[in-house]
Amino acid sequence: MKRIVFLVVFLLVLVVGLSFALLNAEMVRLSYYFGTITAPLSIVVAVSIAVGALLGVLASMGMALGLKREIIRLRHNMKIAEKELENLRSLPLKDKH
């Protein structure tokens, strides 16, 4: 069922994307720091979205790696605490009378 929903959504996005490309086929001039190029508007928009998505993924990877490092550190501390608890539980109890 999940694959069918994914396929339907993928086909819907593909049809919308193709219709967007056909409706926006006129050429535009894109000026950037190193020169200018002429390309179809749909390609310029698609490349801009792809570059933005890539930059977003790269920006979030730094935070994700930091969180992974913190998880590793906390698991290490938890193992140390569990060993200490196990050692404390194995000590004999002493009554003071």
PDB file of N, CA and C in Angstrom:
ATOM      1  N   MET A   1       0.826  -1.189   0.000  1.00  0.00           N
ATOM      2  CA  MET A   1       0.000   0.000   0.000  1.00  0.00           C
ATOM      3  C   MET A   1       0.874   1.258   0.000  1.00  0.00           C
ATOM      4  N   LYS A   2       1.953   1.202   0.798  1.00  0.00           N
ATOM      5  CA  LYS A   2       2.848   2.344   0.906  1.00  0.00           C
ATOM      6  C   LYS A   2       3.518   2.647  -0.441  1.00  0.00           C
ATOM      7  N   ARG A   3       3.875   1.592  -1.158  1.00  0.00           N
ATOM      8  CA  ARG A   3       4.518   1.768  -2.459  1.00  0.00           C
ATOM      9  C   ARG A   3       3.554   2.381  -3.470  1.00  0.00           C
ATOM     10  N   ILE A   4       2.306   2.010  -3.391  1.00  0.00           N
ATOM     11  CA  ILE A   4       1.311   2.551  -4.323  1.00  0.00           C
ATOM     12  C   ILE A   4       1.115   4.042  -4.067  1.00  0.00           C
ATOM     13  N   VAL A   5       1.008   4.412  -2.799  1.00  0.00           N
ATOM     14  CA  VAL A   5       0.853   5.833  -2.461  1.00  0.00           C
ATOM     15  C   VAL A   5       2.074   6.612  -2.924  1.00  0.00           C
ATOM     16  N   PHE A   6       3.267   6.059  -2.701  1.00  0.00           N
ATOM     17  CA  PHE A   6       4.494   6.719  -3.132  1.00  0.00           C
ATOM     18  C   PHE A   6       4.513   6.875  -4.648  1.00  0.00           C
ATOM     19  N   LEU A   7       4.107   5.842  -5.370  1.00  0.00           N
ATOM     20  CA  LEU A   7       4.078   5.892  -6.829  1.00  0.00           C
ATOM     21  C   LEU A   7       3.092   6.940  -7.330  1.00  0.00           C
ATOM     22  N   VAL A   8       1.916   7.010  -6.720  1.00  0.00           N
ATOM     23  CA  VAL A   8       0.915   8.005  -7.123  1.00  0.00           C
ATOM     24  C   VAL A   8       1.425   9.415  -6.868  1.00  0.00           C
ATOM     25  N   VAL A   9       2.026   9.646  -5.704  1.00  0.00           N
ATOM     26  CA  VAL A   9       2.567  10.975  -5.385  1.00  0.00           C
ATOM     27  C   VAL A   9       3.705  11.322  -6.343  1.00  0.00           C
ATOM     28  N   PHE A  10       4.571  10.348  -6.630  1.00  0.00           N
ATOM     29  CA  PHE A  10       5.678  10.582  -7.554  1.00  0.00           C
ATOM     30  C   PHE A  10       5.163  10.940  -8.943  1.00  0.00           C
ATOM     31  N   LEU A  11       4.180  10.209  -9.436  1.00  0.00           N
ATOM     32  CA  LEU A  11       3.622  10.499 -10.753  1.00  0.00           C
ATOM     33  C   LEU A  11       2.938  11.859 -10.786  1.00  0.00           C
ATOM     34  N   LEU A  12       2.261  12.220  -9.702  1.00  0.00           N
ATOM     35  CA  LEU A  12       1.612  13.528  -9.625  1.00  0.00           C
ATOM     36  C   LEU A  12       2.645  14.652  -9.672  1.00  0.00           C
ATOM     37  N   VAL A  13       3.722  14.501  -8.924  1.00  0.00           N
ATOM     38  CA  VAL A  13       4.790  15.508  -8.930  1.00  0.00           C
ATOM     39  C   VAL A  13       5.444  15.574 -10.303  1.00  0.00           C
ATOM     40  N   LEU A  14       5.630  14.434 -10.938  1.00  0.00           N
ATOM     41  CA  LEU A  14       6.226  14.389 -12.266  1.00  0.00           C
ATOM     42  C   LEU A  14       5.347  15.106 -13.294  1.00  0.00           C
ATOM     43  N   VAL A  15       4.042  14.871 -13.253  1.00  0.00           N
ATOM     44  CA  VAL A  15       3.122  15.532 -14.188  1.00  0.00           C
ATOM     45  C   VAL A  15       3.100  17.036 -13.946  1.00  0.00           C
ATOM     46  N   VAL A  16       3.045  17.450 -12.691  1.00  0.00           N
ATOM     47  CA  VAL A  16       3.043  18.889 -12.377  1.00  0.00           C
ATOM     48  C   VAL A  16       4.356  19.519 -12.823  1.00  0.00           C
ATOM     49  N   GLY A  17       5.461  18.833 -12.599  1.00  0.00           N
ATOM     50  CA  GLY A  17       6.766  19.352 -13.015  1.00  0.00           C
ATOM     51  C   GLY A  17       6.883  19.477 -14.521  1.00  0.00           C
ATOM     52  N   LEU A  18       6.410  18.473 -15.243  1.00  0.00           N
ATOM     53  CA  LEU A  18       6.453  18.546 -16.703  1.00  0.00           C
ATOM     54  C   LEU A  18       5.571  19.654 -17.245  1.00  0.00           C
ATOM     55  N   SER A  19       4.379  19.807 -16.670  1.00  0.00           N
ATOM     56  CA  SER A  19       3.505  20.891 -17.134  1.00  0.00           C
ATOM     57  C   SER A  19       4.116  22.253 -16.801  1.00  0.00           C
ATOM     58  N   PHE A  20       4.778  22.371 -15.649  1.00  0.00           N
ATOM     59  CA  PHE A  20       5.467  23.615 -15.301  1.00  0.00           C
ATOM     60  C   PHE A  20       6.565  23.915 -16.309  1.00  0.00           C
ATOM     61  N   ALA A  21       7.313  22.888 -16.687  1.00  0.00           N
ATOM     62  CA  ALA A  21       8.402  23.076 -17.658  1.00  0.00           C
ATOM     63  C   ALA A  21       7.861  23.492 -19.012  1.00  0.00           C
ATOM     64  N   LEU A  22       6.750  22.921 -19.434  1.00  0.00           N
ATOM     65  CA  LEU A  22       6.168  23.276 -20.732  1.00  0.00           C
ATOM     66  C   LEU A  22       5.583  24.689 -20.732  1.00  0.00           C
ATOM     67  N   LEU A  23       4.986  25.085 -19.616  1.00  0.00           N
ATOM     68  CA  LEU A  23       4.386  26.421 -19.532  1.00  0.00           C
ATOM     69  C   LEU A  23       5.436  27.522 -19.393  1.00  0.00           C
ATOM     70  N   ASN A  24       6.625  27.178 -18.917  1.00  0.00           N
ATOM     71  CA  ASN A  24       7.677  28.163 -18.685  1.00  0.00           C
ATOM     72  C   ASN A  24       8.911  27.847 -19.517  1.00  0.00           C
ATOM     73  N   ALA A  25       8.711  27.679 -20.817  1.00  0.00           N
ATOM     74  CA  ALA A  25       9.809  27.287 -21.690  1.00  0.00           C
ATOM     75  C   ALA A  25      10.553  28.484 -22.274  1.00  0.00           C
ATOM     76  N   GLU A  26      10.097  29.713 -22.014  1.00  0.00           N
ATOM     77  CA  GLU A  26      10.785  30.871 -22.596  1.00  0.00           C
ATOM     78  C   GLU A  26      12.172  31.038 -21.979  1.00  0.00           C
ATOM     79  N   MET A  27      13.060  31.574 -22.757  1.00  0.00           N
ATOM     80  CA  MET A  27      14.447  31.747 -22.342  1.00  0.00           C
ATOM     81  C   MET A  27      14.583  32.998 -21.477  1.00  0.00           C
ATOM     82  N   VAL A  28      15.405  32.891 -20.454  1.00  0.00           N
ATOM     83  CA  VAL A  28      15.706  34.030 -19.585  1.00  0.00           C
ATOM     84  C   VAL A  28      17.220  34.153 -19.481  1.00  0.00           C
ATOM     85  N   ARG A  29      17.668  35.377 -19.233  1.00  0.00           N
ATOM     86  CA  ARG A  29      19.093  35.620 -19.065  1.00  0.00           C
ATOM     87  C   ARG A  29      19.390  35.660 -17.577  1.00  0.00           C
ATOM     88  N   LEU A  30      20.348  34.866 -17.157  1.00  0.00           N
ATOM     89  CA  LEU A  30      20.726  34.774 -15.757  1.00  0.00           C
ATOM     90  C   LEU A  30      22.125  35.363 -15.611  1.00  0.00           C
ATOM     91  N   SER A  31      22.219  36.437 -14.840  1.00  0.00           N
ATOM     92  CA  SER A  31      23.513  37.074 -14.589  1.00  0.00           C
ATOM     93  C   SER A  31      24.014  36.635 -13.215  1.00  0.00           C
ATOM     94  N   TYR A  32      25.242  36.205 -13.149  1.00  0.00           N
ATOM     95  CA  TYR A  32      25.856  35.812 -11.889  1.00  0.00           C
ATOM     96  C   TYR A  32      27.263  36.391 -11.850  1.00  0.00           C
ATOM     97  N   TYR A  33      28.018  36.105 -10.820  1.00  0.00           N
ATOM     98  CA  TYR A  33      29.302  36.765 -10.593  1.00  0.00           C
ATOM     99  C   TYR A  33      30.319  36.536 -11.708  1.00  0.00           C
ATOM    100  N   PHE A  34      30.279  35.398 -12.364  1.00  0.00           N
ATOM    101  CA  PHE A  34      31.302  35.065 -13.340  1.00  0.00           C
ATOM    102  C   PHE A  34      30.849  35.252 -14.781  1.00  0.00           C
ATOM    103  N   GLY A  35      29.645  35.700 -15.010  1.00  0.00           N
ATOM    104  CA  GLY A  35      29.154  35.910 -16.364  1.00  0.00           C
ATOM    105  C   GLY A  35      27.652  35.825 -16.433  1.00  0.00           C
ATOM    106  N   THR A  36      27.148  35.542 -17.622  1.00  0.00           N
ATOM    107  CA  THR A  36      25.709  35.390 -17.823  1.00  0.00           C
ATOM    108  C   THR A  36      25.460  34.158 -18.687  1.00  0.00           C
ATOM    109  N   ILE A  37      24.291  33.559 -18.490  1.00  0.00           N
ATOM    110  CA  ILE A  37      23.872  32.455 -19.343  1.00  0.00           C
ATOM    111  C   ILE A  37      22.410  32.675 -19.719  1.00  0.00           C
ATOM    112  N   THR A  38      22.003  32.051 -20.795  1.00  0.00           N
ATOM    113  CA  THR A  38      20.611  32.072 -21.215  1.00  0.00           C
ATOM    114  C   THR A  38      20.095  30.645 -21.126  1.00  0.00           C
ATOM    115  N   ALA A  39      19.002  30.459 -20.397  1.00  0.00           N
ATOM    116  CA  ALA A  39      18.446  29.127 -20.182  1.00  0.00           C
ATOM    117  C   ALA A  39      16.935  29.242 -20.043  1.00  0.00           C
ATOM    118  N   PRO A  40      16.218  28.138 -20.234  1.00  0.00           N
ATOM    119  CA  PRO A  40      14.772  28.165 -20.015  1.00  0.00           C
ATOM    120  C   PRO A  40      14.442  28.456 -18.549  1.00  0.00           C
ATOM    121  N   LEU A  41      13.365  29.192 -18.350  1.00  0.00           N
ATOM    122  CA  LEU A  41      12.975  29.586 -16.996  1.00  0.00           C
ATOM    123  C   LEU A  41      12.744  28.365 -16.107  1.00  0.00           C
ATOM    124  N   SER A  42      12.138  27.320 -16.646  1.00  0.00           N
ATOM    125  CA  SER A  42      11.868  26.129 -15.831  1.00  0.00           C
ATOM    126  C   SER A  42      13.161  25.483 -15.337  1.00  0.00           C
ATOM    127  N   ILE A  43      14.199  25.490 -16.152  1.00  0.00           N
ATOM    128  CA  ILE A  43      15.485  24.919 -15.735  1.00  0.00           C
ATOM    129  C   ILE A  43      16.111  25.773 -14.640  1.00  0.00           C
ATOM    130  N   VAL A  44      16.036  27.098 -14.791  1.00  0.00           N
ATOM    131  CA  VAL A  44      16.601  28.003 -13.781  1.00  0.00           C
ATOM    132  C   VAL A  44      15.906  27.791 -12.441  1.00  0.00           C
ATOM    133  N   VAL A  45      14.582  27.665 -12.459  1.00  0.00           N
ATOM    134  CA  VAL A  45      13.839  27.461 -11.211  1.00  0.00           C
ATOM    135  C   VAL A  45      14.170  26.092 -10.612  1.00  0.00           C
ATOM    136  N   ALA A  46      14.227  25.054 -11.436  1.00  0.00           N
ATOM    137  CA  ALA A  46      14.523  23.709 -10.932  1.00  0.00           C
ATOM    138  C   ALA A  46      15.923  23.641 -10.322  1.00  0.00           C
ATOM    139  N   VAL A  47      16.898  24.261 -10.983  1.00  0.00           N
ATOM    140  CA  VAL A  47      18.264  24.264 -10.447  1.00  0.00           C
ATOM    141  C   VAL A  47      18.323  25.061  -9.144  1.00  0.00           C
ATOM    142  N   SER A  48      17.599  26.165  -9.081  1.00  0.00           N
ATOM    143  CA  SER A  48      17.573  26.963  -7.851  1.00  0.00           C
ATOM    144  C   SER A  48      16.985  26.165  -6.690  1.00  0.00           C
ATOM    145  N   ILE A  49      15.921  25.428  -6.946  1.00  0.00           N
ATOM    146  CA  ILE A  49      15.318  24.602  -5.896  1.00  0.00           C
ATOM    147  C   ILE A  49      16.287  23.507  -5.461  1.00  0.00           C
ATOM    148  N   ALA A  50      16.952  22.878  -6.430  1.00  0.00           N
ATOM    149  CA  ALA A  50      17.894  21.804  -6.097  1.00  0.00           C
ATOM    150  C   ALA A  50      19.069  22.328  -5.273  1.00  0.00           C
ATOM    151  N   VAL A  51      19.603  23.477  -5.656  1.00  0.00           N
ATOM    152  CA  VAL A  51      20.725  24.059  -4.907  1.00  0.00           C
ATOM    153  C   VAL A  51      20.274  24.439  -3.500  1.00  0.00           C
ATOM    154  N   GLY A  52      19.076  25.006  -3.369  1.00  0.00           N
ATOM    155  CA  GLY A  52      18.555  25.351  -2.046  1.00  0.00           C
ATOM    156  C   GLY A  52      18.362  24.130  -1.171  1.00  0.00           C
ATOM    157  N   ALA A  53      17.843  23.050  -1.761  1.00  0.00           N
ATOM    158  CA  ALA A  53      17.658  21.813  -0.997  1.00  0.00           C
ATOM    159  C   ALA A  53      19.004  21.249  -0.552  1.00  0.00           C
ATOM    160  N   LEU A  54      19.987  21.275  -1.439  1.00  0.00           N
ATOM    161  CA  LEU A  54      21.325  20.774  -1.104  1.00  0.00           C
ATOM    162  C   LEU A  54      21.949  21.592   0.022  1.00  0.00           C
ATOM    163  N   LEU A  55      21.822  22.905  -0.053  1.00  0.00           N
ATOM    164  CA  LEU A  55      22.361  23.750   1.020  1.00  0.00           C
ATOM    165  C   LEU A  55      21.633  23.498   2.340  1.00  0.00           C
ATOM    166  N   GLY A  56      20.335  23.256   2.282  1.00  0.00           N
ATOM    167  CA  GLY A  56      19.585  22.937   3.491  1.00  0.00           C
ATOM    168  C   GLY A  56      20.035  21.636   4.120  1.00  0.00           C
ATOM    169  N   VAL A  57      20.278  20.624   3.296  1.00  0.00           N
ATOM    170  CA  VAL A  57      20.756  19.337   3.804  1.00  0.00           C
ATOM    171  C   VAL A  57      22.139  19.496   4.424  1.00  0.00           C
ATOM    172  N   LEU A  58      23.017  20.229   3.753  1.00  0.00           N
ATOM    173  CA  LEU A  58      24.361  20.438   4.296  1.00  0.00           C
ATOM    174  C   LEU A  58      24.320  21.195   5.615  1.00  0.00           C
ATOM    175  N   ALA A  59      23.430  22.181   5.716  1.00  0.00           N
ATOM    176  CA  ALA A  59      23.321  22.948   6.958  1.00  0.00           C
ATOM    177  C   ALA A  59      22.807  22.078   8.101  1.00  0.00           C
ATOM    178  N   SER A  60      21.877  21.186   7.813  1.00  0.00           N
ATOM    179  CA  SER A  60      21.327  20.351   8.874  1.00  0.00           C
ATOM    180  C   SER A  60      22.250  19.196   9.247  1.00  0.00           C
ATOM    181  N   MET A  61      23.175  18.835   8.362  1.00  0.00           N
ATOM    182  CA  MET A  61      24.094  17.734   8.682  1.00  0.00           C
ATOM    183  C   MET A  61      25.012  18.078   9.844  1.00  0.00           C
ATOM    184  N   GLY A  62      25.410  19.326   9.955  1.00  0.00           N
ATOM    185  CA  GLY A  62      26.261  19.722  11.074  1.00  0.00           C
ATOM    186  C   GLY A  62      25.562  19.507  12.400  1.00  0.00           C
ATOM    187  N   MET A  63      24.290  19.897  12.464  1.00  0.00           N
ATOM    188  CA  MET A  63      23.531  19.714  13.695  1.00  0.00           C
ATOM    189  C   MET A  63      23.293  18.228  13.961  1.00  0.00           C
ATOM    190  N   ALA A  64      23.004  17.464  12.923  1.00  0.00           N
ATOM    191  CA  ALA A  64      22.756  16.032  13.099  1.00  0.00           C
ATOM    192  C   ALA A  64      24.010  15.317  13.596  1.00  0.00           C
ATOM    193  N   LEU A  65      25.167  15.672  13.071  1.00  0.00           N
ATOM    194  CA  LEU A  65      26.409  15.046  13.527  1.00  0.00           C
ATOM    195  C   LEU A  65      26.708  15.410  14.976  1.00  0.00           C
ATOM    196  N   GLY A  66      26.432  16.650  15.353  1.00  0.00           N
ATOM    197  CA  GLY A  66      26.626  17.046  16.747  1.00  0.00           C
ATOM    198  C   GLY A  66      25.721  16.266  17.685  1.00  0.00           C
ATOM    199  N   LEU A  67      24.470  16.042  17.266  1.00  0.00           N
ATOM    200  CA  LEU A  67      23.546  15.272  18.096  1.00  0.00           C
ATOM    201  C   LEU A  67      23.972  13.810  18.191  1.00  0.00           C
ATOM    202  N   LYS A  68      24.501  13.260  17.097  1.00  0.00           N
ATOM    203  CA  LYS A  68      24.994  11.882  17.148  1.00  0.00           C
ATOM    204  C   LYS A  68      26.152  11.761  18.131  1.00  0.00           C
ATOM    205  N   ARG A  69      27.042  12.748  18.105  1.00  0.00           N
ATOM    206  CA  ARG A  69      28.174  12.739  19.031  1.00  0.00           C
ATOM    207  C   ARG A  69      27.673  12.808  20.475  1.00  0.00           C
ATOM    208  N   GLU A  70      26.651  13.618  20.720  1.00  0.00           N
ATOM    209  CA  GLU A  70      26.103  13.727  22.067  1.00  0.00           C
ATOM    210  C   GLU A  70      25.454  12.414  22.506  1.00  0.00           C
ATOM    211  N   ILE A  71      24.776  11.737  21.586  1.00  0.00           N
ATOM    212  CA  ILE A  71      24.168  10.442  21.903  1.00  0.00           C
ATOM    213  C   ILE A  71      25.251   9.446  22.309  1.00  0.00           C
ATOM    214  N   ILE A  72      26.352   9.417  21.584  1.00  0.00           N
ATOM    215  CA  ILE A  72      27.455   8.502  21.909  1.00  0.00           C
ATOM    216  C   ILE A  72      28.007   8.817  23.297  1.00  0.00           C
ATOM    217  N   ARG A  73      28.194  10.099  23.592  1.00  0.00           N
ATOM    218  CA  ARG A  73      28.718  10.503  24.904  1.00  0.00           C
ATOM    219  C   ARG A  73      27.754  10.107  26.024  1.00  0.00           C
ATOM    220  N   LEU A  74      26.451  10.317  25.809  1.00  0.00           N
ATOM    221  CA  LEU A  74      25.467   9.981  26.841  1.00  0.00           C
ATOM    222  C   LEU A  74      25.371   8.475  27.049  1.00  0.00           C
ATOM    223  N   ARG A  75      25.481   7.694  25.984  1.00  0.00           N
ATOM    224  CA  ARG A  75      25.464   6.234  26.130  1.00  0.00           C
ATOM    225  C   ARG A  75      26.680   5.761  26.918  1.00  0.00           C
ATOM    226  N   HIS A  76      27.832   6.382  26.664  1.00  0.00           N
ATOM    227  CA  HIS A  76      29.039   6.033  27.412  1.00  0.00           C
ATOM    228  C   HIS A  76      28.852   6.343  28.897  1.00  0.00           C
ATOM    229  N   ASN A  77      28.303   7.524  29.190  1.00  0.00           N
ATOM    230  CA  ASN A  77      28.054   7.893  30.591  1.00  0.00           C
ATOM    231  C   ASN A  77      27.040   6.952  31.232  1.00  0.00           C
ATOM    232  N   MET A  78      26.048   6.514  30.465  1.00  0.00           N
ATOM    233  CA  MET A  78      25.044   5.599  30.998  1.00  0.00           C
ATOM    234  C   MET A  78      25.682   4.247  31.340  1.00  0.00           C
ATOM    235  N   LYS A  79      26.580   3.757  30.502  1.00  0.00           N
ATOM    236  CA  LYS A  79      27.250   2.486  30.781  1.00  0.00           C
ATOM    237  C   LYS A  79      28.089   2.584  32.047  1.00  0.00           C
ATOM    238  N   ILE A  80      28.767   3.711  32.218  1.00  0.00           N
ATOM    239  CA  ILE A  80      29.568   3.912  33.429  1.00  0.00           C
ATOM    240  C   ILE A  80      28.667   3.931  34.653  1.00  0.00           C
ATOM    241  N   ALA A  81      27.533   4.629  34.560  1.00  0.00           N
ATOM    242  CA  ALA A  81      26.604   4.701  35.687  1.00  0.00           C
ATOM    243  C   ALA A  81      26.008   3.328  35.991  1.00  0.00           C
ATOM    244  N   GLU A  82      25.695   2.539  34.969  1.00  0.00           N
ATOM    245  CA  GLU A  82      25.154   1.194  35.189  1.00  0.00           C
ATOM    246  C   GLU A  82      26.183   0.296  35.872  1.00  0.00           C
ATOM    247  N   LYS A  83      27.455   0.402  35.461  1.00  0.00           N
ATOM    248  CA  LYS A  83      28.502  -0.393  36.112  1.00  0.00           C
ATOM    249  C   LYS A  83      28.639   0.009  37.572  1.00  0.00           C
ATOM    250  N   GLU A  84      28.594   1.315  37.841  1.00  0.00           N
ATOM    251  CA  GLU A  84      28.708   1.787  39.217  1.00  0.00           C
ATOM    252  C   GLU A  84      27.525   1.305  40.049  1.00  0.00           C
ATOM    253  N   LEU A  85      26.327   1.320  39.475  1.00  0.00           N
ATOM    254  CA  LEU A  85      25.143   0.839  40.181  1.00  0.00           C
ATOM    255  C   LEU A  85      25.249  -0.655  40.462  1.00  0.00           C
ATOM    256  N   GLU A  86      25.744  -1.400  39.488  1.00  0.00           N
ATOM    257  CA  GLU A  86      25.919  -2.849  39.680  1.00  0.00           C
ATOM    258  C   GLU A  86      26.932  -3.118  40.793  1.00  0.00           C
ATOM    259  N   ASN A  87      28.011  -2.333  40.833  1.00  0.00           N
ATOM    260  CA  ASN A  87      29.008  -2.493  41.901  1.00  0.00           C
ATOM    261  C   ASN A  87      28.419  -2.142  43.258  1.00  0.00           C
ATOM    262  N   LEU A  88      27.608  -1.105  43.316  1.00  0.00           N
ATOM    263  CA  LEU A  88      26.991  -0.726  44.591  1.00  0.00           C
ATOM    264  C   LEU A  88      25.990  -1.775  45.057  1.00  0.00           C
ATOM    265  N   ARG A  89      25.293  -2.392  44.130  1.00  0.00           N
ATOM    266  CA  ARG A  89      24.313  -3.424  44.508  1.00  0.00           C
ATOM    267  C   ARG A  89      25.013  -4.690  45.004  1.00  0.00           C
ATOM    268  N   SER A  90      26.224  -4.933  44.551  1.00  0.00           N
ATOM    269  CA  SER A  90      26.913  -6.162  44.962  1.00  0.00           C
ATOM    270  C   SER A  90      27.643  -6.002  46.292  1.00  0.00           C
ATOM    271  N   LEU A  91      27.782  -4.777  46.789  1.00  0.00           N
ATOM    272  CA  LEU A  91      28.431  -4.573  48.087  1.00  0.00           C
ATOM    273  C   LEU A  91      27.544  -5.102  49.192  1.00  0.00           C
ATOM    274  N   PRO A  92      28.132  -5.742  50.203  1.00  0.00           N
ATOM    275  CA  PRO A  92      27.320  -6.222  51.336  1.00  0.00           C
ATOM    276  C   PRO A  92      26.855  -5.050  52.194  1.00  0.00           C
ATOM    277  N   LEU A  93      25.669  -5.204  52.748  1.00  0.00           N
ATOM    278  CA  LEU A  93      25.123  -4.165  53.612  1.00  0.00           C
ATOM    279  C   LEU A  93      25.726  -4.332  55.007  1.00  0.00           C
ATOM    280  N   LYS A  94      26.056  -3.206  55.636  1.00  0.00           N
ATOM    281  CA  LYS A  94      26.625  -3.251  56.987  1.00  0.00           C
ATOM    282  C   LYS A  94      25.677  -2.518  57.927  1.00  0.00           C
ATOM    283  N   ASP A  95      25.304  -3.223  58.988  1.00  0.00           N
ATOM    284  CA  ASP A  95      24.461  -2.612  60.003  1.00  0.00           C
ATOM    285  C   ASP A  95      25.339  -2.005  61.077  1.00  0.00           C
ATOM    286  N   LYS A  96      24.951  -0.825  61.550  1.00  0.00           N
ATOM    287  CA  LYS A  96      25.711  -0.175  62.607  1.00  0.00           C
ATOM    288  C   LYS A  96      24.917  -0.296  63.905  1.00  0.00           C
ATOM    289  N   HIS A  97      25.243  -1.310  64.715  1.00  0.00           N
ATOM    290  CA  HIS A  97      24.596  -1.499  66.017  1.00  0.00           C
ATOM    291  C   HIS A  97      25.600  -1.604  67.087  1.00  0.00           C
TER     292      HIS A  97
END
